[in-house]
């Protein structure tokens, strides 16, 4: 079998790096497990690979293996750009996959999705079950555009049934870029470590001026009460954040207030950072 390796020399010169890329034929199959394509699969960089992110993050590897992972990441970004382009004014809703239909947070997220779609926004979520499904479902109920960016996780097996457009991702960080890149506002429903990761990463991007200061709304105030106490009573008190940073996020249980905050965020201002 003739396999092609994408090869480039190590250099700090971008021009030299581009000039150095070439396809180098290699006789025989690769022996590294992370390099082996699925049986009968030739264009293996373009298809899902089991444990792709785990392989990528396991530590230092041979240079060709790192380049193969970089190629997969690049193509995953391209798939995201192709799948998510031209989706209009978009709001991303984050939240747990573990709250079922009938739970008060599920019903709140569904009503939120409905209200956002009625207000003319595309609703984007992680594409899984729970509160993501609820927000997508509400958007569909209202006849709006519903988008999902899914990833295979223990509590997010497969996409939900309320999506107009759907992209599957292998790498967490690529998925998170897409969930942020296309949105003009963000709503955080109750959730676990993943939701907290998304809350603080989005706020950090705004705090450091990596993205504009779009509206961030946290709904389910009882759930977020402990976090608010920690942020104000510890982080602010110890000086690790500023009082201005507290203005990055709004807490409310009112759907009307949440949508009004998001609508008012159409004109955004830059943040000084800290």
C-alpha atoms as a PDB file:
ATOM      1  CA  UNK A   1       0.000   0.000   0.000  1.00  0.00           C
ATOM      2  CA  UNK A   2       1.299   3.480  -0.872  1.00  0.00           C
ATOM      3  CA  UNK A   3       0.716   5.916   1.984  1.00  0.00           C
ATOM      4  CA  UNK A   4       1.372   9.649   1.781  1.00  0.00           C
ATOM      5  CA  UNK A   5       2.846  11.495   4.732  1.00  0.00           C
ATOM      6  CA  UNK A   6       2.374  15.252   5.018  1.00  0.00           C
ATOM      7  CA  UNK A   7       5.835  16.449   5.975  1.00  0.00           C
ATOM      8  CA  UNK A   8       7.242  19.848   6.965  1.00  0.00           C
ATOM      9  CA  UNK A   9      10.545  20.844   8.584  1.00  0.00           C
ATOM     10  CA  UNK A  10      10.546  22.563  11.986  1.00  0.00           C
ATOM     11  CA  UNK A  11      10.962  26.304  11.386  1.00  0.00           C
ATOM     12  CA  UNK A  12       9.826  29.651  12.794  1.00  0.00           C
ATOM     13  CA  UNK A  13       9.590  31.132   9.302  1.00  0.00           C
ATOM     14  CA  UNK A  14       6.002  30.840   7.967  1.00  0.00           C
ATOM     15  CA  UNK A  15       7.139  31.158   4.340  1.00  0.00           C
ATOM     16  CA  UNK A  16       9.720  28.434   4.765  1.00  0.00           C
ATOM     17  CA  UNK A  17       7.142  26.279   6.510  1.00  0.00           C
ATOM     18  CA  UNK A  18       4.743  26.575   3.589  1.00  0.00           C
ATOM     19  CA  UNK A  19       7.515  25.960   1.081  1.00  0.00           C
ATOM     20  CA  UNK A  20       8.573  22.875   3.031  1.00  0.00           C
ATOM     21  CA  UNK A  21       5.236  21.074   2.868  1.00  0.00           C
ATOM     22  CA  UNK A  22       5.213  18.247   0.404  1.00  0.00           C
ATOM     23  CA  UNK A  23       3.812  14.793   0.060  1.00  0.00           C
ATOM     24  CA  UNK A  24       6.441  12.152   0.657  1.00  0.00           C
ATOM     25  CA  UNK A  25       5.516   8.624  -0.492  1.00  0.00           C
ATOM     26  CA  UNK A  26       6.133   5.849   1.989  1.00  0.00           C
ATOM     27  CA  UNK A  27       5.986   2.195   1.024  1.00  0.00           C
ATOM     28  CA  UNK A  28       4.089  -0.028   3.431  1.00  0.00           C
ATOM     29  CA  UNK A  29       1.553   0.622   6.168  1.00  0.00           C
ATOM     30  CA  UNK A  30       2.261   2.726   9.235  1.00  0.00           C
ATOM     31  CA  UNK A  31       2.942   0.669  12.341  1.00  0.00           C
ATOM     32  CA  UNK A  32       1.720   3.151  15.003  1.00  0.00           C
ATOM     33  CA  UNK A  33      -1.828   2.324  16.208  1.00  0.00           C
ATOM     34  CA  UNK A  34      -2.776   6.015  16.013  1.00  0.00           C
ATOM     35  CA  UNK A  35      -1.731   6.066  12.355  1.00  0.00           C
ATOM     36  CA  UNK A  36      -3.578   2.999  11.128  1.00  0.00           C
ATOM     37  CA  UNK A  37      -6.638   3.777   8.955  1.00  0.00           C
ATOM     38  CA  UNK A  38      -9.843   1.769   9.373  1.00  0.00           C
ATOM     39  CA  UNK A  39     -10.040  -1.365   7.227  1.00  0.00           C
ATOM     40  CA  UNK A  40     -10.878  -0.448   3.656  1.00  0.00           C
ATOM     41  CA  UNK A  41     -10.729   3.284   4.388  1.00  0.00           C
ATOM     42  CA  UNK A  42      -8.436   5.414   2.249  1.00  0.00           C
ATOM     43  CA  UNK A  43      -9.467   8.975   3.132  1.00  0.00           C
ATOM     44  CA  UNK A  44      -9.113   8.237   6.835  1.00  0.00           C
ATOM     45  CA  UNK A  45      -8.343  11.801   7.923  1.00  0.00           C
ATOM     46  CA  UNK A  46     -11.880  12.770   6.936  1.00  0.00           C
ATOM     47  CA  UNK A  47     -13.746  10.139   8.968  1.00  0.00           C
ATOM     48  CA  UNK A  48     -14.229   9.910  12.749  1.00  0.00           C
ATOM     49  CA  UNK A  49     -11.460   8.143  14.634  1.00  0.00           C
ATOM     50  CA  UNK A  50     -12.120   6.474  17.958  1.00  0.00           C
ATOM     51  CA  UNK A  51     -10.292   8.218  20.805  1.00  0.00           C
ATOM     52  CA  UNK A  52      -8.836  10.842  18.438  1.00  0.00           C
ATOM     53  CA  UNK A  53      -8.600  13.492  21.159  1.00  0.00           C
ATOM     54  CA  UNK A  54      -7.190  11.049  23.708  1.00  0.00           C
ATOM     55  CA  UNK A  55      -4.494  10.046  21.214  1.00  0.00           C
ATOM     56  CA  UNK A  56      -3.736  13.691  20.444  1.00  0.00           C
ATOM     57  CA  UNK A  57      -3.379  14.653  24.132  1.00  0.00           C
ATOM     58  CA  UNK A  58      -1.463  11.614  25.366  1.00  0.00           C
ATOM     59  CA  UNK A  59       1.913  13.376  25.256  1.00  0.00           C
ATOM     60  CA  UNK A  60       4.903  13.738  22.969  1.00  0.00           C
ATOM     61  CA  UNK A  61       4.850  11.578  19.842  1.00  0.00           C
ATOM     62  CA  UNK A  62       6.825  11.195  16.652  1.00  0.00           C
ATOM     63  CA  UNK A  63       6.668  14.181  14.330  1.00  0.00           C
ATOM     64  CA  UNK A  64       4.629  12.418  11.586  1.00  0.00           C
ATOM     65  CA  UNK A  65       2.017  11.371  14.145  1.00  0.00           C
ATOM     66  CA  UNK A  66       1.694  14.947  15.406  1.00  0.00           C
ATOM     67  CA  UNK A  67       1.247  16.174  11.848  1.00  0.00           C
ATOM     68  CA  UNK A  68      -1.429  13.548  11.224  1.00  0.00           C
ATOM     69  CA  UNK A  69      -3.348  14.804  14.285  1.00  0.00           C
ATOM     70  CA  UNK A  70      -2.895  18.400  13.127  1.00  0.00           C
ATOM     71  CA  UNK A  71      -4.369  17.422   9.782  1.00  0.00           C
ATOM     72  CA  UNK A  72      -7.390  15.871  11.461  1.00  0.00           C
ATOM     73  CA  UNK A  73      -7.917  19.012  13.562  1.00  0.00           C
ATOM     74  CA  UNK A  74      -7.624  21.231  10.484  1.00  0.00           C
ATOM     75  CA  UNK A  75     -10.174  19.181   8.548  1.00  0.00           C
ATOM     76  CA  UNK A  76     -12.492  19.190  11.547  1.00  0.00           C
ATOM     77  CA  UNK A  77     -12.396  23.002  11.552  1.00  0.00           C
ATOM     78  CA  UNK A  78     -13.144  22.989   7.824  1.00  0.00           C
ATOM     79  CA  UNK A  79     -16.157  20.706   8.352  1.00  0.00           C
ATOM     80  CA  UNK A  80     -17.377  23.075  11.049  1.00  0.00           C
ATOM     81  CA  UNK A  81     -16.988  26.132   8.825  1.00  0.00           C
ATOM     82  CA  UNK A  82     -18.856  24.387   6.003  1.00  0.00           C
ATOM     83  CA  UNK A  83     -21.662  23.162   8.240  1.00  0.00           C
ATOM     84  CA  UNK A  84     -22.221  26.312  10.260  1.00  0.00           C
ATOM     85  CA  UNK A  85     -21.767  29.144   7.781  1.00  0.00           C
ATOM     86  CA  UNK A  86     -24.583  31.641   7.136  1.00  0.00           C
ATOM     87  CA  UNK A  87     -26.743  30.794  10.150  1.00  0.00           C
ATOM     88  CA  UNK A  88     -27.798  34.375  10.910  1.00  0.00           C
ATOM     89  CA  UNK A  89     -28.026  35.966  14.350  1.00  0.00           C
ATOM     90  CA  UNK A  90     -27.231  33.096  16.649  1.00  0.00           C
ATOM     91  CA  UNK A  91     -27.492  32.503  20.406  1.00  0.00           C
ATOM     92  CA  UNK A  92     -25.680  29.546  21.969  1.00  0.00           C
ATOM     93  CA  UNK A  93     -27.422  27.802  24.861  1.00  0.00           C
ATOM     94  CA  UNK A  94     -25.234  25.682  27.163  1.00  0.00           C
ATOM     95  CA  UNK A  95     -26.496  23.240  29.788  1.00  0.00           C
ATOM     96  CA  UNK A  96     -26.456  19.733  31.191  1.00  0.00           C
ATOM     97  CA  UNK A  97     -27.282  16.614  29.186  1.00  0.00           C
ATOM     98  CA  UNK A  98     -28.659  14.959  32.340  1.00  0.00           C
ATOM     99  CA  UNK A  99     -31.952  16.775  32.949  1.00  0.00           C
ATOM    100  CA  UNK A 100     -34.826  14.832  31.313  1.00  0.00           C
ATOM    101  CA  UNK A 101     -38.041  15.996  29.684  1.00  0.00           C
ATOM    102  CA  UNK A 102     -40.391  17.139  32.450  1.00  0.00           C
ATOM    103  CA  UNK A 103     -37.700  18.556  34.728  1.00  0.00           C
ATOM    104  CA  UNK A 104     -38.196  22.233  35.597  1.00  0.00           C
ATOM    105  CA  UNK A 105     -34.877  23.162  33.971  1.00  0.00           C
ATOM    106  CA  UNK A 106     -35.821  21.263  30.800  1.00  0.00           C
ATOM    107  CA  UNK A 107     -39.069  23.195  30.598  1.00  0.00           C
ATOM    108  CA  UNK A 108     -37.251  26.492  31.203  1.00  0.00           C
ATOM    109  CA  UNK A 109     -34.726  25.745  28.433  1.00  0.00           C
ATOM    110  CA  UNK A 110     -37.511  24.770  26.043  1.00  0.00           C
ATOM    111  CA  UNK A 111     -39.370  28.023  26.706  1.00  0.00           C
ATOM    112  CA  UNK A 112     -36.093  29.906  26.239  1.00  0.00           C
ATOM    113  CA  UNK A 113     -35.494  28.259  22.852  1.00  0.00           C
ATOM    114  CA  UNK A 114     -39.029  29.147  21.803  1.00  0.00           C
ATOM    115  CA  UNK A 115     -38.634  32.764  22.877  1.00  0.00           C
ATOM    116  CA  UNK A 116     -35.272  33.156  21.155  1.00  0.00           C
ATOM    117  CA  UNK A 117     -36.627  31.749  17.899  1.00  0.00           C
ATOM    118  CA  UNK A 118     -39.686  34.008  18.108  1.00  0.00           C
ATOM    119  CA  UNK A 119     -37.309  36.945  18.549  1.00  0.00           C
ATOM    120  CA  UNK A 120     -35.556  35.983  15.311  1.00  0.00           C
ATOM    121  CA  UNK A 121     -32.465  34.234  16.670  1.00  0.00           C
ATOM    122  CA  UNK A 122     -30.949  30.962  15.528  1.00  0.00           C
ATOM    123  CA  UNK A 123     -30.541  28.645  18.529  1.00  0.00           C
ATOM    124  CA  UNK A 124     -27.309  26.667  18.772  1.00  0.00           C
ATOM    125  CA  UNK A 125     -26.491  24.015  21.382  1.00  0.00           C
ATOM    126  CA  UNK A 126     -24.110  21.116  21.879  1.00  0.00           C
ATOM    127  CA  UNK A 127     -26.672  19.014  20.010  1.00  0.00           C
ATOM    128  CA  UNK A 128     -27.114  16.382  22.722  1.00  0.00           C
ATOM    129  CA  UNK A 129     -29.953  15.444  25.084  1.00  0.00           C
ATOM    130  CA  UNK A 130     -31.143  17.178  28.245  1.00  0.00           C
ATOM    131  CA  UNK A 131     -31.155  20.964  28.260  1.00  0.00           C
ATOM    132  CA  UNK A 132     -29.533  21.105  24.830  1.00  0.00           C
ATOM    133  CA  UNK A 133     -32.428  19.104  23.413  1.00  0.00           C
ATOM    134  CA  UNK A 134     -34.890  21.325  25.262  1.00  0.00           C
ATOM    135  CA  UNK A 135     -33.528  24.549  23.755  1.00  0.00           C
ATOM    136  CA  UNK A 136     -33.404  23.041  20.255  1.00  0.00           C
ATOM    137  CA  UNK A 137     -36.914  21.679  20.716  1.00  0.00           C
ATOM    138  CA  UNK A 138     -38.270  25.062  21.747  1.00  0.00           C
ATOM    139  CA  UNK A 139     -36.688  26.674  18.699  1.00  0.00           C
ATOM    140  CA  UNK A 140     -38.281  24.064  16.433  1.00  0.00           C
ATOM    141  CA  UNK A 141     -41.650  24.546  18.175  1.00  0.00           C
ATOM    142  CA  UNK A 142     -41.483  28.222  17.215  1.00  0.00           C
ATOM    143  CA  UNK A 143     -40.453  27.494  13.625  1.00  0.00           C
ATOM    144  CA  UNK A 144     -36.922  28.843  14.133  1.00  0.00           C
ATOM    145  CA  UNK A 145     -33.518  27.603  13.057  1.00  0.00           C
ATOM    146  CA  UNK A 146     -32.045  24.944  15.386  1.00  0.00           C
ATOM    147  CA  UNK A 147     -28.339  24.002  15.244  1.00  0.00           C
ATOM    148  CA  UNK A 148     -26.329  21.292  17.032  1.00  0.00           C
ATOM    149  CA  UNK A 149     -22.575  20.796  17.549  1.00  0.00           C
ATOM    150  CA  UNK A 150     -22.323  17.315  19.022  1.00  0.00           C
ATOM    151  CA  UNK A 151     -19.496  15.215  20.438  1.00  0.00           C
ATOM    152  CA  UNK A 152     -19.477  11.613  21.614  1.00  0.00           C
ATOM    153  CA  UNK A 153     -19.508  11.667  25.422  1.00  0.00           C
ATOM    154  CA  UNK A 154     -20.796   9.265  28.110  1.00  0.00           C
ATOM    155  CA  UNK A 155     -23.956  11.329  28.701  1.00  0.00           C
ATOM    156  CA  UNK A 156     -24.345  12.693  25.157  1.00  0.00           C
ATOM    157  CA  UNK A 157     -24.786   9.644  22.983  1.00  0.00           C
ATOM    158  CA  UNK A 158     -25.982  10.872  19.615  1.00  0.00           C
ATOM    159  CA  UNK A 159     -27.750  14.032  18.570  1.00  0.00           C
ATOM    160  CA  UNK A 160     -31.213  15.062  19.624  1.00  0.00           C
ATOM    161  CA  UNK A 161     -34.175  14.994  17.237  1.00  0.00           C
ATOM    162  CA  UNK A 162     -34.787  18.750  16.976  1.00  0.00           C
ATOM    163  CA  UNK A 163     -31.991  19.959  14.720  1.00  0.00           C
ATOM    164  CA  UNK A 164     -32.107  21.639  11.310  1.00  0.00           C
ATOM    165  CA  UNK A 165     -28.340  21.518  10.958  1.00  0.00           C
ATOM    166  CA  UNK A 166     -25.844  19.288  12.737  1.00  0.00           C
ATOM    167  CA  UNK A 167     -22.061  18.873  12.883  1.00  0.00           C
ATOM    168  CA  UNK A 168     -20.265  16.055  14.726  1.00  0.00           C
ATOM    169  CA  UNK A 169     -16.919  16.872  16.355  1.00  0.00           C
ATOM    170  CA  UNK A 170     -14.088  14.691  17.642  1.00  0.00           C
ATOM    171  CA  UNK A 171     -12.144  17.298  19.617  1.00  0.00           C
ATOM    172  CA  UNK A 172     -13.613  19.240  22.519  1.00  0.00           C
ATOM    173  CA  UNK A 173     -11.647  22.391  21.750  1.00  0.00           C
ATOM    174  CA  UNK A 174     -12.800  22.519  18.111  1.00  0.00           C
ATOM    175  CA  UNK A 175     -16.411  22.118  19.211  1.00  0.00           C
ATOM    176  CA  UNK A 176     -16.038  24.903  21.786  1.00  0.00           C
ATOM    177  CA  UNK A 177     -14.598  27.257  19.166  1.00  0.00           C
ATOM    178  CA  UNK A 178     -17.630  26.664  16.944  1.00  0.00           C
ATOM    179  CA  UNK A 179     -20.106  27.166  19.779  1.00  0.00           C
ATOM    180  CA  UNK A 180     -18.545  30.571  20.487  1.00  0.00           C
ATOM    181  CA  UNK A 181     -17.502  31.754  17.014  1.00  0.00           C
ATOM    182  CA  UNK A 182     -20.957  32.031  15.442  1.00  0.00           C
ATOM    183  CA  UNK A 183     -22.943  33.484  18.358  1.00  0.00           C
ATOM    184  CA  UNK A 184     -23.861  37.000  19.418  1.00  0.00           C
ATOM    185  CA  UNK A 185     -25.011  35.984  22.908  1.00  0.00           C
ATOM    186  CA  UNK A 186     -24.723  33.054  25.303  1.00  0.00           C
ATOM    187  CA  UNK A 187     -27.184  31.539  27.765  1.00  0.00           C
ATOM    188  CA  UNK A 188     -25.998  29.196  30.499  1.00  0.00           C
ATOM    189  CA  UNK A 189     -28.514  26.802  31.966  1.00  0.00           C
ATOM    190  CA  UNK A 190     -27.681  24.575  34.960  1.00  0.00           C
ATOM    191  CA  UNK A 191     -24.956  22.063  34.188  1.00  0.00           C
ATOM    192  CA  UNK A 192     -21.861  20.205  35.309  1.00  0.00           C
ATOM    193  CA  UNK A 193     -18.114  20.532  34.735  1.00  0.00           C
ATOM    194  CA  UNK A 194     -18.552  20.973  30.984  1.00  0.00           C
ATOM    195  CA  UNK A 195     -20.999  23.836  31.414  1.00  0.00           C
ATOM    196  CA  UNK A 196     -18.744  25.498  34.015  1.00  0.00           C
ATOM    197  CA  UNK A 197     -15.817  25.146  31.618  1.00  0.00           C
ATOM    198  CA  UNK A 198     -17.831  26.894  28.915  1.00  0.00           C
ATOM    199  CA  UNK A 199     -19.013  29.634  31.324  1.00  0.00           C
ATOM    200  CA  UNK A 200     -15.522  30.581  32.444  1.00  0.00           C
ATOM    201  CA  UNK A 201     -13.890  30.184  29.041  1.00  0.00           C
ATOM    202  CA  UNK A 202     -16.449  32.489  27.411  1.00  0.00           C
ATOM    203  CA  UNK A 203     -16.052  35.066  30.193  1.00  0.00           C
ATOM    204  CA  UNK A 204     -12.258  34.829  29.939  1.00  0.00           C
ATOM    205  CA  UNK A 205     -12.399  35.471  26.181  1.00  0.00           C
ATOM    206  CA  UNK A 206     -14.415  38.613  26.860  1.00  0.00           C
ATOM    207  CA  UNK A 207     -12.326  39.697  29.846  1.00  0.00           C
ATOM    208  CA  UNK A 208      -9.156  39.492  27.743  1.00  0.00           C
ATOM    209  CA  UNK A 209     -10.682  41.075  24.618  1.00  0.00           C
ATOM    210  CA  UNK A 210     -10.360  37.944  22.515  1.00  0.00           C
ATOM    211  CA  UNK A 211     -14.045  38.330  21.604  1.00  0.00           C
ATOM    212  CA  UNK A 212     -16.390  41.299  21.922  1.00  0.00           C
ATOM    213  CA  UNK A 213     -18.460  41.666  25.086  1.00  0.00           C
ATOM    214  CA  UNK A 214     -21.594  39.900  23.949  1.00  0.00           C
ATOM    215  CA  UNK A 215     -24.408  39.270  26.448  1.00  0.00           C
ATOM    216  CA  UNK A 216     -24.025  36.308  28.804  1.00  0.00           C
ATOM    217  CA  UNK A 217     -27.148  35.232  30.696  1.00  0.00           C
ATOM    218  CA  UNK A 218     -27.288  32.532  33.395  1.00  0.00           C
ATOM    219  CA  UNK A 219     -30.753  31.114  34.032  1.00  0.00           C
ATOM    220  CA  UNK A 220     -31.826  29.005  36.982  1.00  0.00           C
ATOM    221  CA  UNK A 221     -30.604  31.433  39.661  1.00  0.00           C
ATOM    222  CA  UNK A 222     -31.065  28.996  42.542  1.00  0.00           C
ATOM    223  CA  UNK A 223     -28.622  26.614  40.866  1.00  0.00           C
ATOM    224  CA  UNK A 224     -26.034  29.366  40.325  1.00  0.00           C
ATOM    225  CA  UNK A 225     -26.329  30.905  43.810  1.00  0.00           C
ATOM    226  CA  UNK A 226     -23.323  29.038  45.247  1.00  0.00           C
ATOM    227  CA  UNK A 227     -21.160  30.027  42.298  1.00  0.00           C
ATOM    228  CA  UNK A 228     -22.131  33.675  42.694  1.00  0.00           C
ATOM    229  CA  UNK A 229     -21.187  33.554  46.364  1.00  0.00           C
ATOM    230  CA  UNK A 230     -17.789  32.047  45.531  1.00  0.00           C
ATOM    231  CA  UNK A 231     -17.098  34.558  42.755  1.00  0.00           C
ATOM    232  CA  UNK A 232     -18.005  37.553  44.918  1.00  0.00           C
ATOM    233  CA  UNK A 233     -16.931  36.297  48.323  1.00  0.00           C
ATOM    234  CA  UNK A 234     -13.642  34.683  47.322  1.00  0.00           C
ATOM    235  CA  UNK A 235     -12.431  35.649  43.843  1.00  0.00           C
ATOM    236  CA  UNK A 236     -13.431  39.321  44.064  1.00  0.00           C
ATOM    237  CA  UNK A 237     -12.457  39.580  47.734  1.00  0.00           C
ATOM    238  CA  UNK A 238      -8.997  38.111  47.009  1.00  0.00           C
ATOM    239  CA  UNK A 239      -8.513  40.417  44.021  1.00  0.00           C
ATOM    240  CA  UNK A 240      -8.262  37.710  41.348  1.00  0.00           C
ATOM    241  CA  UNK A 241     -11.036  39.438  39.368  1.00  0.00           C
ATOM    242  CA  UNK A 242     -12.262  43.028  39.251  1.00  0.00           C
ATOM    243  CA  UNK A 243     -15.721  44.395  40.002  1.00  0.00           C
ATOM    244  CA  UNK A 244     -16.020  45.194  36.288  1.00  0.00           C
ATOM    245  CA  UNK A 245     -15.728  41.471  35.510  1.00  0.00           C
ATOM    246  CA  UNK A 246     -18.945  40.826  37.429  1.00  0.00           C
ATOM    247  CA  UNK A 247     -20.784  42.837  34.782  1.00  0.00           C
ATOM    248  CA  UNK A 248     -19.952  40.224  32.140  1.00  0.00           C
ATOM    249  CA  UNK A 249     -22.791  37.916  33.216  1.00  0.00           C
ATOM    250  CA  UNK A 250     -26.459  38.506  34.079  1.00  0.00           C
ATOM    251  CA  UNK A 251     -28.441  36.177  36.350  1.00  0.00           C
ATOM    252  CA  UNK A 252     -32.200  35.896  35.859  1.00  0.00           C
ATOM    253  CA  UNK A 253     -35.119  33.473  35.820  1.00  0.00           C
ATOM    254  CA  UNK A 254     -37.235  35.760  33.634  1.00  0.00           C
ATOM    255  CA  UNK A 255     -37.479  34.750  29.974  1.00  0.00           C
ATOM    256  CA  UNK A 256     -38.548  38.269  29.001  1.00  0.00           C
ATOM    257  CA  UNK A 257     -35.546  39.773  30.809  1.00  0.00           C
ATOM    258  CA  UNK A 258     -33.139  37.268  29.279  1.00  0.00           C
ATOM    259  CA  UNK A 259     -34.335  37.983  25.745  1.00  0.00           C
ATOM    260  CA  UNK A 260     -34.333  41.737  26.384  1.00  0.00           C
ATOM    261  CA  UNK A 261     -30.691  41.537  27.556  1.00  0.00           C
ATOM    262  CA  UNK A 262     -29.772  39.571  24.445  1.00  0.00           C
ATOM    263  CA  UNK A 263     -31.590  41.992  22.129  1.00  0.00           C
ATOM    264  CA  UNK A 264     -29.923  44.962  23.823  1.00  0.00           C
ATOM    265  CA  UNK A 265     -26.544  43.369  23.168  1.00  0.00           C
ATOM    266  CA  UNK A 266     -26.823  43.998  19.460  1.00  0.00           C
ATOM    267  CA  UNK A 267     -24.470  46.945  19.871  1.00  0.00           C
ATOM    268  CA  UNK A 268     -21.399  45.634  21.684  1.00  0.00           C
ATOM    269  CA  UNK A 269     -18.468  47.426  23.231  1.00  0.00           C
ATOM    270  CA  UNK A 270     -14.893  46.312  23.726  1.00  0.00           C
ATOM    271  CA  UNK A 271     -13.700  45.360  27.192  1.00  0.00           C
ATOM    272  CA  UNK A 272     -10.521  46.806  28.681  1.00  0.00           C
ATOM    273  CA  UNK A 273      -9.503  43.357  29.931  1.00  0.00           C
ATOM    274  CA  UNK A 274      -7.674  42.614  33.166  1.00  0.00           C
END
